[in-house]
Every structure is written in structure tokens, then in C-alpha cells.
């Protein structure tokens, strides 16, 4: 399992569950459409009236679970940032390749885009025996483990 494999896995699963924390320190989850960069930044859109928007603005630490079919998943932890020009155009290009209907949402009131930079990723495949688990820490090296 390499970084390229992680990108391919995320590209094959266009939806992910985003976890955030609200102002009362309570968890909230939302299903979002995800696109991914070669560097494993996750890109998604939302509207400023959503619950996730103020959560990410005030507490950018967030998580994703991507994939759940065939007992293969990615757990992803990272830091979100609201995209603004000039970098917004670059990330929109990546997002629109994954979601060709994305430009139609540009007229939505309050539409915004976030990019999440990974801090830690775990790929798990429990369909194999023994299970295959690989962790990637982006301040360190990846580690292969078997479940406890």
C-alpha cells in the first residue's frame, strides 16, 4: 500500500463521512462528496449555512471514513482550511474532474470549498486473512500492523 494506492482508493469512493466538532464540543457527521489530490488533500464543497461550516472554521481538525464495501476502509485525520483565491481555482479544477456537476453549484448561495491536509491515514482491509492494516503519519513513516 503506497500513497498512490491511497489516492486511487479515494478516487474510487466518491463519498466519505466527515466528522467535525461543534461549538459545544459535540461530534457531528456528514456525508460529503470527496475529491483527492496526488498529495492526498481531500477537497469538498458545502454551503456556509451548513453545520460543518462553522465547525471547520472554528475547529479545523476533522476526520473522514471513506469506503466500507468489501471490508476495506480509509480512516483519515487532518486539518481543514477554507479555500480562497488564488488557490481555490486549482482545487476546484480537481473537484470538478471528480464531480462534473460541481460547476452547476457555483450559483448556490454560500457555496464554499474546503481542502483537508492529511495528518494520519489508516487503510484497513479485513477481507484478507490476516487483515492488512497500514498507517501513514505525515510527520513520520508508514507502519504496517495487524489488528489487536
N, C-alpha and C. Protein backbone atom coordinates (compact mmCIF):
# COMPACT_ATOMS: atom_id res chain seq x y z
N UNK A 1 0.86 -1.18 0.00
CA UNK A 1 0.00 0.00 0.00
C UNK A 1 0.89 1.23 0.00
N UNK A 2 0.76 2.06 -1.02
CA UNK A 2 1.54 3.28 -1.17
C UNK A 2 0.62 4.49 -1.17
N UNK A 3 1.21 5.66 -1.19
CA UNK A 3 0.42 6.89 -1.28
C UNK A 3 -0.40 6.89 -2.57
N UNK A 4 0.18 6.41 -3.65
CA UNK A 4 -0.55 6.33 -4.92
C UNK A 4 -1.75 5.41 -4.79
N UNK A 5 -1.59 4.30 -4.05
CA UNK A 5 -2.71 3.38 -3.82
C UNK A 5 -3.82 4.06 -3.01
N UNK A 6 -3.43 4.86 -2.03
CA UNK A 6 -4.43 5.59 -1.23
C UNK A 6 -5.22 6.55 -2.11
N UNK A 7 -4.52 7.27 -2.97
CA UNK A 7 -5.19 8.20 -3.89
C UNK A 7 -6.19 7.44 -4.75
N UNK A 8 -5.75 6.30 -5.31
CA UNK A 8 -6.63 5.50 -6.17
C UNK A 8 -7.85 5.00 -5.40
N UNK A 9 -7.66 4.59 -4.15
CA UNK A 9 -8.78 4.11 -3.34
C UNK A 9 -9.80 5.24 -3.14
N UNK A 10 -9.33 6.42 -2.77
CA UNK A 10 -10.23 7.54 -2.53
C UNK A 10 -10.93 7.93 -3.84
N UNK A 11 -10.19 7.93 -4.95
CA UNK A 11 -10.81 8.25 -6.24
C UNK A 11 -11.92 7.26 -6.59
N UNK A 12 -11.80 6.04 -6.13
CA UNK A 12 -12.81 5.03 -6.39
C UNK A 12 -14.00 5.08 -5.45
N UNK A 13 -13.95 5.94 -4.46
CA UNK A 13 -15.03 6.09 -3.48
C UNK A 13 -15.34 7.58 -3.37
N UNK A 14 -16.29 8.04 -4.09
CA UNK A 14 -16.56 9.48 -4.19
C UNK A 14 -17.29 10.07 -2.99
N UNK A 15 -17.67 9.24 -2.03
CA UNK A 15 -18.35 9.75 -0.85
C UNK A 15 -17.56 9.38 0.40
N UNK A 16 -17.61 10.26 1.38
CA UNK A 16 -16.98 9.99 2.67
C UNK A 16 -17.78 10.62 3.78
N UNK A 17 -17.64 10.07 4.97
CA UNK A 17 -18.29 10.65 6.14
C UNK A 17 -17.28 11.56 6.82
N UNK A 18 -17.63 12.82 6.93
CA UNK A 18 -16.80 13.84 7.54
C UNK A 18 -17.22 14.01 8.99
N UNK A 19 -16.25 13.94 9.90
CA UNK A 19 -16.50 14.18 11.32
C UNK A 19 -15.92 15.51 11.73
N UNK A 20 -16.74 16.31 12.41
CA UNK A 20 -16.30 17.61 12.94
C UNK A 20 -16.77 17.73 14.38
N UNK A 21 -16.35 18.80 15.04
CA UNK A 21 -16.77 19.07 16.42
C UNK A 21 -17.39 20.46 16.45
N UNK A 22 -18.57 20.56 17.07
CA UNK A 22 -19.26 21.85 17.11
C UNK A 22 -18.80 22.70 18.30
N UNK A 23 -19.40 23.87 18.45
CA UNK A 23 -19.02 24.80 19.50
C UNK A 23 -19.27 24.30 20.91
N UNK A 24 -20.15 23.32 21.06
CA UNK A 24 -20.42 22.73 22.37
C UNK A 24 -19.57 21.47 22.59
N UNK A 25 -18.54 21.30 21.76
CA UNK A 25 -17.65 20.13 21.81
C UNK A 25 -18.39 18.82 21.60
N UNK A 26 -19.42 18.86 20.77
CA UNK A 26 -20.18 17.66 20.42
C UNK A 26 -19.83 17.25 19.00
N UNK A 27 -19.68 15.94 18.77
CA UNK A 27 -19.35 15.49 17.42
C UNK A 27 -20.53 15.62 16.46
N UNK A 28 -20.21 15.87 15.21
CA UNK A 28 -21.22 15.90 14.15
C UNK A 28 -20.62 15.22 12.93
N UNK A 29 -21.45 14.54 12.18
CA UNK A 29 -21.00 13.83 10.98
C UNK A 29 -21.87 14.24 9.80
N UNK A 30 -21.26 14.18 8.61
CA UNK A 30 -21.99 14.49 7.39
C UNK A 30 -21.38 13.71 6.24
N UNK A 31 -22.24 13.24 5.36
CA UNK A 31 -21.78 12.59 4.14
C UNK A 31 -21.46 13.68 3.13
N UNK A 32 -20.26 13.64 2.55
CA UNK A 32 -19.86 14.64 1.56
C UNK A 32 -19.23 13.95 0.37
N UNK A 33 -19.30 14.61 -0.77
CA UNK A 33 -18.59 14.15 -1.95
C UNK A 33 -17.14 14.59 -1.84
N UNK A 34 -16.22 13.66 -2.10
CA UNK A 34 -14.80 13.97 -1.92
C UNK A 34 -14.03 13.78 -3.23
N UNK A 35 -13.09 14.67 -3.43
CA UNK A 35 -12.08 14.55 -4.48
C UNK A 35 -10.75 14.55 -3.76
N UNK A 36 -9.70 14.07 -4.43
CA UNK A 36 -8.40 13.95 -3.78
C UNK A 36 -7.30 14.42 -4.71
N UNK A 37 -6.31 15.06 -4.13
CA UNK A 37 -5.13 15.49 -4.88
C UNK A 37 -4.08 14.38 -4.84
N UNK A 38 -3.08 14.44 -5.71
CA UNK A 38 -1.99 13.45 -5.62
C UNK A 38 -1.26 13.48 -4.27
N UNK A 39 -1.31 14.61 -3.58
CA UNK A 39 -0.70 14.73 -2.26
C UNK A 39 -1.63 14.35 -1.12
N UNK A 40 -2.81 13.79 -1.47
CA UNK A 40 -3.80 13.28 -0.51
C UNK A 40 -4.59 14.36 0.22
N UNK A 41 -4.59 15.59 -0.27
CA UNK A 41 -5.54 16.56 0.26
C UNK A 41 -6.93 16.15 -0.22
N UNK A 42 -7.90 16.18 0.67
CA UNK A 42 -9.29 15.93 0.29
C UNK A 42 -9.97 17.26 0.07
N UNK A 43 -10.73 17.35 -1.02
CA UNK A 43 -11.44 18.58 -1.40
C UNK A 43 -12.93 18.28 -1.41
N UNK A 44 -13.72 19.17 -0.82
CA UNK A 44 -15.18 19.02 -0.85
C UNK A 44 -15.83 20.39 -0.82
N UNK A 45 -17.09 20.42 -1.25
CA UNK A 45 -17.85 21.67 -1.18
C UNK A 45 -18.94 21.54 -0.14
N UNK A 46 -19.41 22.67 0.32
CA UNK A 46 -20.54 22.75 1.24
C UNK A 46 -21.10 24.16 1.12
N UNK A 47 -22.06 24.48 1.93
CA UNK A 47 -22.58 25.85 1.97
C UNK A 47 -22.32 26.43 3.35
N UNK A 48 -22.20 27.73 3.40
CA UNK A 48 -21.87 28.39 4.66
C UNK A 48 -22.98 28.25 5.70
N UNK A 49 -24.17 27.85 5.30
CA UNK A 49 -25.27 27.63 6.25
C UNK A 49 -25.31 26.22 6.82
N UNK A 50 -24.37 25.38 6.42
CA UNK A 50 -24.35 24.00 6.94
C UNK A 50 -23.78 23.98 8.36
N UNK A 51 -23.99 22.88 9.06
CA UNK A 51 -23.42 22.74 10.41
C UNK A 51 -21.91 22.58 10.34
N UNK A 52 -21.40 21.90 9.30
CA UNK A 52 -19.96 21.65 9.22
C UNK A 52 -19.16 22.92 9.00
N UNK A 53 -19.75 23.91 8.32
CA UNK A 53 -19.00 25.13 8.01
C UNK A 53 -18.48 25.84 9.27
N UNK A 54 -19.33 26.23 10.23
CA UNK A 54 -18.77 26.91 11.41
C UNK A 54 -17.88 25.99 12.24
N UNK A 55 -18.19 24.69 12.22
CA UNK A 55 -17.33 23.76 12.95
C UNK A 55 -15.90 23.81 12.42
N UNK A 56 -15.76 23.74 11.09
CA UNK A 56 -14.43 23.72 10.48
C UNK A 56 -13.73 25.08 10.56
N UNK A 57 -14.50 26.15 10.53
CA UNK A 57 -13.89 27.48 10.65
C UNK A 57 -13.30 27.65 12.05
N UNK A 58 -14.02 27.21 13.09
CA UNK A 58 -13.52 27.42 14.45
C UNK A 58 -12.64 26.27 14.94
N UNK A 59 -12.82 25.09 14.40
CA UNK A 59 -12.04 23.91 14.81
C UNK A 59 -11.70 23.11 13.55
N UNK A 60 -10.58 23.42 12.92
CA UNK A 60 -10.27 22.79 11.63
C UNK A 60 -9.88 21.32 11.69
N UNK A 61 -9.61 20.78 12.87
CA UNK A 61 -9.31 19.34 12.97
C UNK A 61 -10.57 18.57 12.60
N UNK A 62 -10.41 17.58 11.73
CA UNK A 62 -11.56 16.81 11.28
C UNK A 62 -11.11 15.40 10.89
N UNK A 63 -12.08 14.57 10.57
CA UNK A 63 -11.77 13.20 10.18
C UNK A 63 -12.74 12.76 9.09
N UNK A 64 -12.33 11.71 8.37
CA UNK A 64 -13.16 11.07 7.35
C UNK A 64 -13.10 9.57 7.53
N UNK A 65 -14.17 8.91 7.14
CA UNK A 65 -14.15 7.49 6.84
C UNK A 65 -14.60 7.39 5.40
N UNK A 66 -13.79 6.70 4.61
CA UNK A 66 -14.06 6.55 3.18
C UNK A 66 -14.05 5.07 2.86
N UNK A 67 -15.11 4.63 2.19
CA UNK A 67 -15.23 3.23 1.81
C UNK A 67 -15.72 2.38 2.95
N UNK A 68 -16.53 1.41 2.63
CA UNK A 68 -16.94 0.44 3.64
C UNK A 68 -17.38 -0.85 2.97
N UNK A 69 -17.29 -0.88 1.66
CA UNK A 69 -17.64 -2.12 0.96
C UNK A 69 -16.44 -3.06 0.99
N UNK A 70 -16.72 -4.32 0.95
CA UNK A 70 -15.66 -5.34 0.94
C UNK A 70 -14.72 -5.25 2.13
N UNK A 71 -15.19 -4.65 3.22
CA UNK A 71 -14.40 -4.53 4.45
C UNK A 71 -13.08 -3.78 4.25
N UNK A 72 -13.07 -2.85 3.30
CA UNK A 72 -11.90 -2.01 3.05
C UNK A 72 -12.27 -0.56 3.34
N UNK A 73 -11.48 0.09 4.18
CA UNK A 73 -11.77 1.48 4.53
C UNK A 73 -10.49 2.28 4.67
N UNK A 74 -10.69 3.58 4.58
CA UNK A 74 -9.65 4.53 4.96
C UNK A 74 -10.21 5.37 6.10
N UNK A 75 -9.44 5.46 7.17
CA UNK A 75 -9.70 6.42 8.24
C UNK A 75 -8.68 7.53 8.01
N UNK A 76 -9.12 8.76 8.09
CA UNK A 76 -8.31 9.90 7.69
C UNK A 76 -8.50 11.01 8.71
N UNK A 77 -7.42 11.51 9.24
CA UNK A 77 -7.48 12.67 10.15
C UNK A 77 -6.65 13.78 9.54
N UNK A 78 -7.17 15.01 9.63
CA UNK A 78 -6.44 16.11 9.04
C UNK A 78 -6.90 17.46 9.54
N UNK A 79 -6.39 18.48 8.88
CA UNK A 79 -6.71 19.88 9.20
C UNK A 79 -7.34 20.52 7.97
N UNK A 80 -8.53 21.08 8.14
CA UNK A 80 -9.25 21.71 7.04
C UNK A 80 -8.90 23.18 6.94
N UNK A 81 -8.97 23.66 5.72
CA UNK A 81 -8.84 25.11 5.50
C UNK A 81 -9.83 25.53 4.41
N UNK A 82 -10.43 26.67 4.64
CA UNK A 82 -11.34 27.25 3.67
C UNK A 82 -10.52 27.73 2.48
N UNK A 83 -10.91 27.33 1.29
CA UNK A 83 -10.15 27.71 0.09
C UNK A 83 -10.60 29.07 -0.42
N UNK A 84 -9.62 29.87 -0.75
CA UNK A 84 -9.87 31.20 -1.29
C UNK A 84 -8.94 31.42 -2.46
N UNK A 85 -9.27 32.39 -3.34
CA UNK A 85 -8.36 32.68 -4.45
C UNK A 85 -6.99 33.09 -3.91
N UNK A 86 -5.93 32.78 -4.57
CA UNK A 86 -5.87 32.16 -5.90
C UNK A 86 -5.87 30.63 -5.88
N UNK A 87 -5.64 29.98 -4.73
CA UNK A 87 -5.55 28.52 -4.72
C UNK A 87 -6.90 27.84 -4.95
N UNK A 88 -7.99 28.55 -4.74
CA UNK A 88 -9.33 27.99 -4.93
C UNK A 88 -9.49 27.39 -6.33
N UNK A 89 -9.05 28.10 -7.35
CA UNK A 89 -9.23 27.64 -8.74
C UNK A 89 -8.54 26.30 -8.97
N UNK A 90 -7.36 26.12 -8.43
CA UNK A 90 -6.64 24.85 -8.58
C UNK A 90 -7.43 23.70 -7.96
N UNK A 91 -7.93 23.89 -6.76
CA UNK A 91 -8.67 22.83 -6.08
C UNK A 91 -10.04 22.59 -6.72
N UNK A 92 -10.67 23.66 -7.22
CA UNK A 92 -11.94 23.48 -7.93
C UNK A 92 -11.74 22.62 -9.18
N UNK A 93 -10.64 22.81 -9.87
CA UNK A 93 -10.35 22.01 -11.06
C UNK A 93 -10.31 20.52 -10.69
N UNK A 94 -9.66 20.19 -9.61
CA UNK A 94 -9.58 18.80 -9.13
C UNK A 94 -10.97 18.30 -8.74
N UNK A 95 -11.71 19.13 -8.02
CA UNK A 95 -13.05 18.74 -7.59
C UNK A 95 -13.99 18.54 -8.78
N UNK A 96 -13.93 19.44 -9.75
CA UNK A 96 -14.82 19.35 -10.90
C UNK A 96 -14.49 18.16 -11.80
N UNK A 97 -13.26 17.69 -11.80
CA UNK A 97 -12.94 16.46 -12.54
C UNK A 97 -13.65 15.28 -11.90
N UNK A 98 -13.72 15.26 -10.58
CA UNK A 98 -14.40 14.19 -9.86
C UNK A 98 -15.91 14.35 -9.92
N UNK A 99 -16.37 15.59 -9.91
CA UNK A 99 -17.80 15.89 -9.89
C UNK A 99 -18.13 16.87 -11.02
N UNK A 100 -18.37 16.36 -12.23
CA UNK A 100 -18.65 17.25 -13.35
C UNK A 100 -19.87 18.15 -13.14
N UNK A 101 -20.77 17.79 -12.21
CA UNK A 101 -21.92 18.64 -11.91
C UNK A 101 -21.56 19.77 -10.94
N UNK A 102 -20.32 19.78 -10.44
CA UNK A 102 -19.89 20.80 -9.48
C UNK A 102 -20.06 22.23 -9.95
N UNK A 103 -19.70 22.55 -11.21
CA UNK A 103 -19.87 23.95 -11.65
C UNK A 103 -21.32 24.43 -11.58
N UNK A 104 -22.28 23.53 -11.69
CA UNK A 104 -23.69 23.94 -11.58
C UNK A 104 -24.02 24.46 -10.20
N UNK A 105 -23.24 24.06 -9.19
CA UNK A 105 -23.49 24.52 -7.83
C UNK A 105 -22.82 25.86 -7.52
N UNK A 106 -22.03 26.39 -8.45
CA UNK A 106 -21.35 27.67 -8.21
C UNK A 106 -22.32 28.80 -7.96
N UNK A 107 -23.55 28.66 -8.41
CA UNK A 107 -24.56 29.70 -8.19
C UNK A 107 -25.30 29.55 -6.87
N UNK A 108 -25.04 28.47 -6.15
CA UNK A 108 -25.71 28.28 -4.87
C UNK A 108 -25.29 29.38 -3.89
N UNK A 109 -26.22 29.95 -3.16
CA UNK A 109 -25.84 30.94 -2.15
C UNK A 109 -24.95 30.30 -1.08
N UNK A 110 -23.83 30.92 -0.81
CA UNK A 110 -22.95 30.47 0.27
C UNK A 110 -22.08 29.27 -0.06
N UNK A 111 -21.96 28.88 -1.34
CA UNK A 111 -21.12 27.73 -1.68
C UNK A 111 -19.66 28.03 -1.35
N UNK A 112 -19.01 27.08 -0.70
CA UNK A 112 -17.59 27.22 -0.32
C UNK A 112 -16.90 25.88 -0.55
N UNK A 113 -15.59 25.93 -0.57
CA UNK A 113 -14.77 24.73 -0.76
C UNK A 113 -13.73 24.66 0.35
N UNK A 114 -13.53 23.45 0.83
CA UNK A 114 -12.50 23.18 1.81
C UNK A 114 -11.51 22.18 1.23
N UNK A 115 -10.27 22.29 1.68
CA UNK A 115 -9.26 21.26 1.44
C UNK A 115 -8.79 20.80 2.82
N UNK A 116 -8.59 19.51 2.94
CA UNK A 116 -8.13 18.93 4.20
C UNK A 116 -6.78 18.29 3.95
N UNK A 117 -5.79 18.73 4.67
CA UNK A 117 -4.44 18.16 4.57
C UNK A 117 -4.31 17.01 5.55
N UNK A 118 -3.83 15.85 5.11
CA UNK A 118 -3.78 14.70 6.00
C UNK A 118 -2.69 14.83 7.06
N UNK A 119 -3.01 14.32 8.24
CA UNK A 119 -2.03 14.17 9.32
C UNK A 119 -1.79 12.69 9.60
N UNK A 120 -2.85 11.88 9.44
CA UNK A 120 -2.76 10.45 9.71
C UNK A 120 -3.81 9.74 8.87
N UNK A 121 -3.42 8.63 8.26
CA UNK A 121 -4.34 7.81 7.48
C UNK A 121 -4.10 6.35 7.83
N UNK A 122 -5.20 5.63 7.98
CA UNK A 122 -5.11 4.17 8.15
C UNK A 122 -5.95 3.51 7.07
N UNK A 123 -5.31 2.64 6.30
CA UNK A 123 -6.01 1.79 5.35
C UNK A 123 -6.18 0.43 5.99
N UNK A 124 -7.40 -0.10 5.96
CA UNK A 124 -7.68 -1.41 6.54
C UNK A 124 -8.38 -2.27 5.51
N UNK A 125 -7.93 -3.52 5.40
CA UNK A 125 -8.58 -4.50 4.54
C UNK A 125 -8.80 -5.75 5.38
N UNK A 126 -10.03 -5.89 5.89
CA UNK A 126 -10.36 -7.04 6.72
C UNK A 126 -10.91 -8.20 5.90
N UNK A 127 -10.92 -8.06 4.57
CA UNK A 127 -11.35 -9.15 3.71
C UNK A 127 -10.23 -10.17 3.52
N UNK A 128 -9.01 -9.84 3.91
CA UNK A 128 -7.88 -10.76 3.82
C UNK A 128 -7.64 -11.43 5.17
N UNK A 129 -6.96 -12.56 5.11
CA UNK A 129 -6.54 -13.23 6.34
C UNK A 129 -5.05 -13.47 6.25
N UNK A 130 -4.25 -12.89 7.13
CA UNK A 130 -4.68 -11.96 8.17
C UNK A 130 -5.06 -10.61 7.58
N UNK A 131 -5.76 -9.84 8.35
CA UNK A 131 -6.16 -8.50 7.90
C UNK A 131 -4.91 -7.68 7.58
N UNK A 132 -5.06 -6.82 6.60
CA UNK A 132 -3.96 -5.92 6.22
C UNK A 132 -4.31 -4.52 6.72
N UNK A 133 -3.42 -3.94 7.51
CA UNK A 133 -3.61 -2.58 8.01
C UNK A 133 -2.31 -1.82 7.81
N UNK A 134 -2.43 -0.64 7.25
CA UNK A 134 -1.24 0.19 7.10
C UNK A 134 -1.59 1.60 7.51
N UNK A 135 -0.73 2.17 8.37
CA UNK A 135 -0.92 3.54 8.84
C UNK A 135 0.12 4.44 8.19
N UNK A 136 -0.31 5.65 7.89
CA UNK A 136 0.56 6.66 7.32
C UNK A 136 0.50 7.88 8.23
N UNK A 137 1.63 8.29 8.74
CA UNK A 137 1.71 9.53 9.52
C UNK A 137 2.51 10.51 8.69
N UNK A 138 1.98 11.68 8.51
CA UNK A 138 2.59 12.59 7.57
C UNK A 138 3.69 13.44 8.17
N UNK A 139 3.99 13.20 9.44
CA UNK A 139 5.19 13.78 10.04
C UNK A 139 6.22 12.68 10.23
N UNK A 140 5.86 11.43 9.90
CA UNK A 140 6.75 10.30 10.09
C UNK A 140 6.62 9.29 8.98
N UNK A 141 6.87 8.03 9.30
CA UNK A 141 6.84 6.96 8.30
C UNK A 141 5.58 6.11 8.47
N UNK A 142 5.25 5.38 7.40
CA UNK A 142 4.10 4.47 7.49
C UNK A 142 4.50 3.24 8.27
N UNK A 143 3.50 2.63 8.90
CA UNK A 143 3.72 1.48 9.75
C UNK A 143 2.71 0.41 9.37
N UNK A 144 3.15 -0.84 9.23
CA UNK A 144 2.23 -1.93 8.94
C UNK A 144 1.94 -2.68 10.23
N UNK A 145 0.66 -2.97 10.51
CA UNK A 145 0.27 -3.67 11.74
C UNK A 145 -0.82 -4.67 11.46
N UNK A 146 -0.96 -5.59 12.38
CA UNK A 146 -2.13 -6.48 12.36
C UNK A 146 -3.04 -6.01 13.50
N UNK A 147 -4.34 -6.29 13.41
CA UNK A 147 -5.25 -5.80 14.45
C UNK A 147 -5.00 -6.49 15.78
N UNK A 148 -5.41 -5.81 16.86
CA UNK A 148 -5.25 -6.36 18.22
C UNK A 148 -6.28 -7.42 18.47
